[in-house]
Amino acid sequence: MNGLVNRKLADVSRNNKLDIAEFAVAMHLIQSRLKGTDIPLKLPETLSPTYLPHVNIPPVTDKEKAVYEKAFMWKNNEKTGYIDGKAV
């Protein structure tokens, strides 16, 4: 792609956010690029999020969030903001 990256290629709704289907497309493009494939100038029809199933993810409640944060902080011994595979 001549060094020019279309940062909104997967954001087909153009709302500067990626829904689950757009995120899947973005991850596919990233993985393809890491394997040496050029990023297309235009999103191929086969990758269009309209072909991906719609997934309705329910919102996380405050109670659930508190449980996840407690588990994360317990495993995040290094206080780095992420958990590596060894910690999991």
C-alpha atoms as a PDB file:
ATOM      1  CA  MET A   1       0.000   0.000   0.000  1.00  0.00           C
ATOM      2  CA  ASN A   2       3.017   2.260  -0.521  1.00  0.00           C
ATOM      3  CA  GLY A   3       3.433   3.018   3.189  1.00  0.00           C
ATOM      4  CA  LEU A   4       0.052   4.726   3.389  1.00  0.00           C
ATOM      5  CA  VAL A   5      -2.322   3.096   5.857  1.00  0.00           C
ATOM      6  CA  ASN A   6      -6.058   3.687   5.755  1.00  0.00           C
ATOM      7  CA  ARG A   7      -6.745   3.757   9.472  1.00  0.00           C
ATOM      8  CA  LYS A   8     -10.486   3.652   8.942  1.00  0.00           C
ATOM      9  CA  LEU A   9     -10.557   0.677   6.616  1.00  0.00           C
ATOM     10  CA  ALA A  10     -12.339  -1.548   9.156  1.00  0.00           C
ATOM     11  CA  ASP A  11     -14.517   1.279  10.542  1.00  0.00           C
ATOM     12  CA  VAL A  12     -17.179   0.924   7.870  1.00  0.00           C
ATOM     13  CA  SER A  13     -19.733   2.865   9.947  1.00  0.00           C
ATOM     14  CA  ARG A  14     -17.281   5.817  10.097  1.00  0.00           C
ATOM     15  CA  ASN A  15     -18.127   6.557  13.738  1.00  0.00           C
ATOM     16  CA  ASN A  16     -14.504   6.306  14.969  1.00  0.00           C
ATOM     17  CA  LYS A  17     -15.452   3.216  16.977  1.00  0.00           C
ATOM     18  CA  LEU A  18     -15.198  -0.455  16.114  1.00  0.00           C
ATOM     19  CA  ASP A  19     -18.102  -2.730  16.886  1.00  0.00           C
ATOM     20  CA  ILE A  20     -17.367  -6.426  17.331  1.00  0.00           C
ATOM     21  CA  ALA A  21     -17.643  -7.188  13.606  1.00  0.00           C
ATOM     22  CA  GLU A  22     -15.434  -4.230  12.609  1.00  0.00           C
ATOM     23  CA  PHE A  23     -12.921  -5.222  15.287  1.00  0.00           C
ATOM     24  CA  ALA A  24     -12.771  -8.739  13.849  1.00  0.00           C
ATOM     25  CA  VAL A  25     -12.053  -7.272  10.407  1.00  0.00           C
ATOM     26  CA  ALA A  26      -9.330  -5.028  11.853  1.00  0.00           C
ATOM     27  CA  MET A  27      -7.693  -7.984  13.617  1.00  0.00           C
ATOM     28  CA  HIS A  28      -7.818 -10.014  10.395  1.00  0.00           C
ATOM     29  CA  LEU A  29      -6.127  -7.174   8.496  1.00  0.00           C
ATOM     30  CA  ILE A  30      -3.453  -6.815  11.179  1.00  0.00           C
ATOM     31  CA  GLN A  31      -2.739 -10.547  11.203  1.00  0.00           C
ATOM     32  CA  SER A  32      -2.592 -10.585   7.408  1.00  0.00           C
ATOM     33  CA  ARG A  33      -0.137  -7.664   7.415  1.00  0.00           C
ATOM     34  CA  LEU A  34       2.050  -9.372  10.017  1.00  0.00           C
ATOM     35  CA  LYS A  35       2.213 -12.371   7.674  1.00  0.00           C
ATOM     36  CA  GLY A  36       3.434 -10.129   4.842  1.00  0.00           C
ATOM     37  CA  THR A  37       0.200  -9.476   2.951  1.00  0.00           C
ATOM     38  CA  ASP A  38      -0.359  -5.921   1.738  1.00  0.00           C
ATOM     39  CA  ILE A  39      -3.272  -4.003   3.236  1.00  0.00           C
ATOM     40  CA  PRO A  40      -5.878  -3.328   0.511  1.00  0.00           C
ATOM     41  CA  LEU A  41      -6.816   0.221  -0.466  1.00  0.00           C
ATOM     42  CA  LYS A  42     -10.486  -0.739  -0.257  1.00  0.00           C
ATOM     43  CA  LEU A  43     -12.089  -3.327   2.007  1.00  0.00           C
ATOM     44  CA  PRO A  44     -12.930  -6.420  -0.056  1.00  0.00           C
ATOM     45  CA  GLU A  45     -16.600  -7.445  -0.088  1.00  0.00           C
ATOM     46  CA  THR A  46     -15.627 -10.752   1.511  1.00  0.00           C
ATOM     47  CA  LEU A  47     -14.403  -8.852   4.597  1.00  0.00           C
ATOM     48  CA  SER A  48     -17.365  -6.508   4.819  1.00  0.00           C
ATOM     49  CA  PRO A  49     -18.761  -6.636   8.372  1.00  0.00           C
ATOM     50  CA  THR A  50     -22.253  -6.994   6.910  1.00  0.00           C
ATOM     51  CA  TYR A  51     -21.316 -10.610   6.207  1.00  0.00           C
ATOM     52  CA  LEU A  52     -20.314 -11.241   9.809  1.00  0.00           C
ATOM     53  CA  PRO A  53     -22.904 -12.346  12.352  1.00  0.00           C
ATOM     54  CA  HIS A  54     -24.209  -9.678  14.685  1.00  0.00           C
ATOM     55  CA  VAL A  55     -23.193 -10.319  18.275  1.00  0.00           C
ATOM     56  CA  ASN A  56     -25.109  -8.559  21.000  1.00  0.00           C
ATOM     57  CA  ILE A  57     -22.817  -8.255  24.008  1.00  0.00           C
ATOM     58  CA  PRO A  58     -24.660  -7.281  27.182  1.00  0.00           C
ATOM     59  CA  PRO A  59     -23.210  -4.403  29.207  1.00  0.00           C
ATOM     60  CA  VAL A  60     -21.060  -5.222  32.227  1.00  0.00           C
ATOM     61  CA  THR A  61     -22.744  -4.320  35.495  1.00  0.00           C
ATOM     62  CA  ASP A  62     -20.894  -2.353  38.185  1.00  0.00           C
ATOM     63  CA  LYS A  63     -20.872  -5.472  40.369  1.00  0.00           C
ATOM     64  CA  GLU A  64     -19.322  -7.584  37.574  1.00  0.00           C
ATOM     65  CA  LYS A  65     -16.771  -4.852  36.835  1.00  0.00           C
ATOM     66  CA  ALA A  66     -15.718  -4.755  40.497  1.00  0.00           C
ATOM     67  CA  VAL A  67     -15.189  -8.537  40.497  1.00  0.00           C
ATOM     68  CA  TYR A  68     -13.090  -8.385  37.296  1.00  0.00           C
ATOM     69  CA  GLU A  69     -11.031  -5.453  38.611  1.00  0.00           C
ATOM     70  CA  LYS A  70     -10.354  -7.290  41.871  1.00  0.00           C
ATOM     71  CA  ALA A  71      -9.192 -10.394  39.974  1.00  0.00           C
ATOM     72  CA  PHE A  72      -7.060  -8.275  37.631  1.00  0.00           C
ATOM     73  CA  MET A  73      -5.403  -6.326  40.434  1.00  0.00           C
ATOM     74  CA  TRP A  74      -4.708  -9.582  42.274  1.00  0.00           C
ATOM     75  CA  LYS A  75      -2.892 -11.004  39.216  1.00  0.00           C
ATOM     76  CA  ASN A  76      -1.247  -7.716  38.176  1.00  0.00           C
ATOM     77  CA  ASN A  77       1.609  -8.029  40.675  1.00  0.00           C
ATOM     78  CA  GLU A  78       3.973  -5.876  38.630  1.00  0.00           C
ATOM     79  CA  LYS A  79       1.412  -3.011  38.414  1.00  0.00           C
ATOM     80  CA  THR A  80       2.059  -2.775  34.686  1.00  0.00           C
ATOM     81  CA  GLY A  81      -1.565  -2.471  33.586  1.00  0.00           C
ATOM     82  CA  TYR A  82      -1.587  -5.814  31.801  1.00  0.00           C
ATOM     83  CA  ILE A  83      -1.361  -9.489  32.649  1.00  0.00           C
ATOM     84  CA  ASP A  84       1.028 -11.738  30.754  1.00  0.00           C
ATOM     85  CA  GLY A  85       0.488 -15.409  30.019  1.00  0.00           C
ATOM     86  CA  LYS A  86       2.653 -16.468  32.946  1.00  0.00           C
ATOM     87  CA  ALA A  87       0.442 -14.603  35.440  1.00  0.00           C
ATOM     88  CA  VAL A  88      -2.714 -16.147  34.031  1.00  0.00           C
END
